[in-house]
C-alpha atoms as a PDB file:
ATOM      1  CA  MET A   1      34.175   8.340 -59.419  1.00  0.00           C
ATOM      2  CA  SER A   2      37.635   6.845 -58.584  1.00  0.00           C
ATOM      3  CA  GLU A   3      38.103   4.494 -55.739  1.00  0.00           C
ATOM      4  CA  GLU A   4      40.212   7.101 -53.954  1.00  0.00           C
ATOM      5  CA  SER A   5      37.641   9.771 -54.268  1.00  0.00           C
ATOM      6  CA  SER A   6      34.811   7.352 -53.270  1.00  0.00           C
ATOM      7  CA  GLU A   7      36.846   6.514 -50.128  1.00  0.00           C
ATOM      8  CA  GLN A   8      37.297  10.310 -49.362  1.00  0.00           C
ATOM      9  CA  GLN A   9      33.502  10.678 -49.815  1.00  0.00           C
ATOM     10  CA  LYS A  10      32.728   8.041 -47.297  1.00  0.00           C
ATOM     11  CA  SER A  11      35.270   9.495 -44.830  1.00  0.00           C
ATOM     12  CA  SER A  12      33.686  12.883 -45.334  1.00  0.00           C
ATOM     13  CA  ASP A  13      30.224  11.376 -44.827  1.00  0.00           C
ATOM     14  CA  ILE A  14      31.301   9.826 -41.505  1.00  0.00           C
ATOM     15  CA  GLN A  15      32.726  13.237 -40.472  1.00  0.00           C
ATOM     16  CA  GLN A  16      29.473  14.992 -41.352  1.00  0.00           C
ATOM     17  CA  ILE A  17      27.552  12.749 -39.048  1.00  0.00           C
ATOM     18  CA  ILE A  18      30.067  13.277 -36.320  1.00  0.00           C
ATOM     19  CA  ASP A  19      29.817  17.001 -36.747  1.00  0.00           C
ATOM     20  CA  GLU A  20      26.033  16.824 -36.751  1.00  0.00           C
ATOM     21  CA  ILE A  21      25.922  14.846 -33.563  1.00  0.00           C
ATOM     22  CA  LYS A  22      28.187  17.439 -31.941  1.00  0.00           C
ATOM     23  CA  LYS A  23      26.226  20.349 -33.111  1.00  0.00           C
ATOM     24  CA  LYS A  24      22.705  18.901 -32.442  1.00  0.00           C
ATOM     25  CA  ALA A  25      23.548  18.274 -28.659  1.00  0.00           C
ATOM     26  CA  ASN A  26      25.964  21.195 -28.293  1.00  0.00           C
ATOM     27  CA  LEU A  27      28.668  18.682 -27.214  1.00  0.00           C
ATOM     28  CA  LYS A  28      32.211  19.515 -26.481  1.00  0.00           C
ATOM     29  CA  GLY A  29      33.240  16.852 -28.718  1.00  0.00           C
ATOM     30  CA  VAL A  30      32.756  13.479 -30.423  1.00  0.00           C
ATOM     31  CA  LEU A  31      35.323  10.665 -31.203  1.00  0.00           C
ATOM     32  CA  PHE A  32      34.684   7.651 -33.396  1.00  0.00           C
ATOM     33  CA  SER A  33      37.393   4.953 -32.772  1.00  0.00           C
ATOM     34  CA  TYR A  34      38.312   1.280 -33.353  1.00  0.00           C
ATOM     35  CA  LYS A  35      37.956  -1.039 -30.263  1.00  0.00           C
ATOM     36  CA  GLU A  36      41.646  -1.779 -30.593  1.00  0.00           C
ATOM     37  CA  GLY A  37      42.142   1.854 -29.783  1.00  0.00           C
ATOM     38  CA  SER A  38      43.015   3.776 -32.950  1.00  0.00           C
ATOM     39  CA  LEU A  39      41.124   6.912 -33.820  1.00  0.00           C
ATOM     40  CA  ILE A  40      39.056   6.875 -36.933  1.00  0.00           C
ATOM     41  CA  THR A  41      37.757  10.549 -36.822  1.00  0.00           C
ATOM     42  CA  GLU A  42      36.773  13.233 -34.326  1.00  0.00           C
ATOM     43  CA  ASN A  43      35.396  16.721 -33.694  1.00  0.00           C
ATOM     44  CA  LEU A  44      36.884  17.683 -30.413  1.00  0.00           C
ATOM     45  CA  ASP A  45      37.701  21.052 -28.999  1.00  0.00           C
ATOM     46  CA  THR A  46      39.470  19.658 -25.850  1.00  0.00           C
ATOM     47  CA  PRO A  47      43.212  19.767 -25.910  1.00  0.00           C
ATOM     48  CA  LEU A  48      44.241  16.245 -25.206  1.00  0.00           C
ATOM     49  CA  ASP A  49      46.249  13.533 -27.021  1.00  0.00           C
ATOM     50  CA  LYS A  50      43.301  12.020 -28.940  1.00  0.00           C
ATOM     51  CA  SER A  51      45.000   8.751 -29.910  1.00  0.00           C
ATOM     52  CA  VAL A  52      45.973   8.029 -26.277  1.00  0.00           C
ATOM     53  CA  PHE A  53      42.587   8.996 -25.061  1.00  0.00           C
ATOM     54  CA  SER A  54      40.996   6.744 -27.731  1.00  0.00           C
ATOM     55  CA  SER A  55      43.028   3.785 -26.686  1.00  0.00           C
ATOM     56  CA  MET A  56      42.092   4.407 -22.973  1.00  0.00           C
ATOM     57  CA  CYS A  57      38.456   4.581 -23.865  1.00  0.00           C
ATOM     58  CA  ALA A  58      38.862   1.250 -25.762  1.00  0.00           C
ATOM     59  CA  SER A  59      40.303  -0.283 -22.759  1.00  0.00           C
ATOM     60  CA  VAL A  60      37.473   1.013 -20.508  1.00  0.00           C
ATOM     61  CA  LEU A  61      34.889  -0.289 -23.002  1.00  0.00           C
ATOM     62  CA  GLU A  62      36.557  -3.905 -23.153  1.00  0.00           C
ATOM     63  CA  SER A  63      36.598  -4.060 -19.380  1.00  0.00           C
ATOM     64  CA  ALA A  64      32.970  -2.909 -18.986  1.00  0.00           C
ATOM     65  CA  SER A  65      32.010  -5.379 -21.667  1.00  0.00           C
ATOM     66  CA  SER A  66      33.724  -8.132 -19.779  1.00  0.00           C
ATOM     67  CA  LEU A  67      31.942  -7.187 -16.622  1.00  0.00           C
ATOM     68  CA  GLY A  68      28.537  -7.440 -18.316  1.00  0.00           C
ATOM     69  CA  LYS A  69      29.433 -10.909 -19.653  1.00  0.00           C
ATOM     70  CA  SER A  70      30.551 -12.086 -16.170  1.00  0.00           C
ATOM     71  CA  SER A  71      27.311 -10.623 -14.689  1.00  0.00           C
ATOM     72  CA  GLY A  72      25.109 -13.164 -16.482  1.00  0.00           C
ATOM     73  CA  GLY A  73      25.861 -12.326 -20.072  1.00  0.00           C
ATOM     74  CA  LEU A  74      24.443  -8.791 -20.037  1.00  0.00           C
ATOM     75  CA  LYS A  75      25.188  -6.649 -23.098  1.00  0.00           C
ATOM     76  CA  LEU A  76      26.798  -3.229 -22.471  1.00  0.00           C
ATOM     77  CA  LYS A  77      24.658  -0.219 -23.542  1.00  0.00           C
ATOM     78  CA  LYS A  78      26.890   2.672 -22.698  1.00  0.00           C
ATOM     79  CA  ILE A  79      29.400   3.845 -20.193  1.00  0.00           C
ATOM     80  CA  ILE A  80      28.944   7.237 -18.419  1.00  0.00           C
ATOM     81  CA  THR A  81      31.918   8.810 -16.535  1.00  0.00           C
ATOM     82  CA  GLU A  82      31.243  12.031 -14.673  1.00  0.00           C
ATOM     83  CA  LEU A  83      34.372  14.276 -14.241  1.00  0.00           C
ATOM     84  CA  GLU A  84      34.517  17.608 -12.481  1.00  0.00           C
ATOM     85  CA  SER A  85      33.563  19.734 -15.528  1.00  0.00           C
ATOM     86  CA  GLN A  86      32.164  17.283 -18.151  1.00  0.00           C
ATOM     87  CA  VAL A  87      30.664  13.840 -18.628  1.00  0.00           C
ATOM     88  CA  ILE A  88      32.089  11.259 -21.037  1.00  0.00           C
ATOM     89  CA  ILE A  89      29.710   8.855 -22.646  1.00  0.00           C
ATOM     90  CA  ILE A  90      31.208   5.793 -24.276  1.00  0.00           C
ATOM     91  CA  ILE A  91      28.798   3.888 -26.672  1.00  0.00           C
ATOM     92  CA  GLU A  92      29.517   0.670 -28.493  1.00  0.00           C
ATOM     93  CA  CYS A  93      28.690   1.050 -32.339  1.00  0.00           C
ATOM     94  CA  SER A  94      29.732  -2.325 -33.723  1.00  0.00           C
ATOM     95  CA  TYR A  95      31.989  -5.312 -32.886  1.00  0.00           C
ATOM     96  CA  GLU A  96      34.865  -3.042 -33.985  1.00  0.00           C
ATOM     97  CA  THR A  97      33.930   0.486 -33.244  1.00  0.00           C
ATOM     98  CA  PHE A  98      32.571   2.937 -30.582  1.00  0.00           C
ATOM     99  CA  LEU A  99      31.674   6.501 -30.153  1.00  0.00           C
ATOM    100  CA  VAL A 100      32.690   8.902 -27.274  1.00  0.00           C
ATOM    101  CA  LEU A 101      30.577  11.971 -26.528  1.00  0.00           C
ATOM    102  CA  PHE A 102      32.104  14.818 -24.500  1.00  0.00           C
ATOM    103  CA  VAL A 103      29.258  16.475 -22.556  1.00  0.00           C
ATOM    104  CA  ASN A 104      29.387  19.668 -20.622  1.00  0.00           C
ATOM    105  CA  GLU A 105      26.918  21.888 -18.666  1.00  0.00           C
ATOM    106  CA  ASN A 106      25.635  23.486 -21.914  1.00  0.00           C
ATOM    107  CA  SER A 107      25.053  20.200 -23.752  1.00  0.00           C
ATOM    108  CA  GLU A 108      21.581  18.978 -24.472  1.00  0.00           C
ATOM    109  CA  THR A 109      22.223  15.309 -24.225  1.00  0.00           C
ATOM    110  CA  LYS A 110      18.633  14.070 -24.560  1.00  0.00           C
ATOM    111  CA  LYS A 111      18.436  15.602 -28.013  1.00  0.00           C
ATOM    112  CA  ILE A 112      21.184  13.309 -29.196  1.00  0.00           C
ATOM    113  CA  LEU A 113      20.589  10.225 -27.051  1.00  0.00           C
ATOM    114  CA  ASN A 114      17.076   9.853 -28.300  1.00  0.00           C
ATOM    115  CA  ASP A 115      18.371   9.458 -31.838  1.00  0.00           C
ATOM    116  CA  ILE A 116      21.888   8.007 -31.161  1.00  0.00           C
ATOM    117  CA  ASP A 117      20.871   4.504 -32.603  1.00  0.00           C
ATOM    118  CA  LEU A 118      19.892   6.064 -35.915  1.00  0.00           C
ATOM    119  CA  TYR A 119      23.240   7.992 -36.102  1.00  0.00           C
ATOM    120  CA  ILE A 120      25.079   4.838 -35.218  1.00  0.00           C
ATOM    121  CA  ARG A 121      23.307   2.871 -37.954  1.00  0.00           C
ATOM    122  CA  LYS A 122      24.283   5.642 -40.480  1.00  0.00           C
ATOM    123  CA  ILE A 123      28.004   5.641 -39.404  1.00  0.00           C
ATOM    124  CA  ILE A 124      28.211   1.818 -39.367  1.00  0.00           C
ATOM    125  CA  LEU A 125      26.597   1.548 -42.834  1.00  0.00           C
ATOM    126  CA  ILE A 126      29.130   3.985 -44.337  1.00  0.00           C
ATOM    127  CA  TYR A 127      31.991   2.420 -42.332  1.00  0.00           C
ATOM    128  CA  GLU A 128      30.988  -1.160 -43.485  1.00  0.00           C
ATOM    129  CA  GLN A 129      30.803   0.032 -47.188  1.00  0.00           C
ATOM    130  CA  ARG A 130      34.296   1.604 -46.771  1.00  0.00           C
ATOM    131  CA  LYS A 131      35.568  -1.616 -45.323  1.00  0.00           C
ATOM    132  CA  LYS A 132      34.283  -3.727 -48.147  1.00  0.00           C
ATOM    133  CA  LYS A 133      36.137  -1.615 -50.738  1.00  0.00           C
ATOM    134  CA  LYS A 134      39.449  -2.177 -49.118  1.00  0.00           C
END
């Protein structure tokens, strides 16, 4: 397998996990992004500027992390934002990455949150392998 096709396979593997998270919990969407704000991959039905949204979530995550550190060194678990018609959950994955889950009234959030650490480990394992190849 060539280096390029191996890279494409890893990107495809991450996308499959993102798709599985969305489907399992009947979410409106999922984003996987770098903490500096750029989007890695997504499966999102909502019409919005995904790169701008990803940057905004990165900023919120950084602020919340700083808040935790200044509150006695507490580690951030997740950020939950309740809007009129949906809930947005931001979850730190690694030092460099995070997930955003778009939840609506039909979502089954418990189904995914119970296993989210397993999904995150899978994504990060693939992501780290991909990074080492570069």
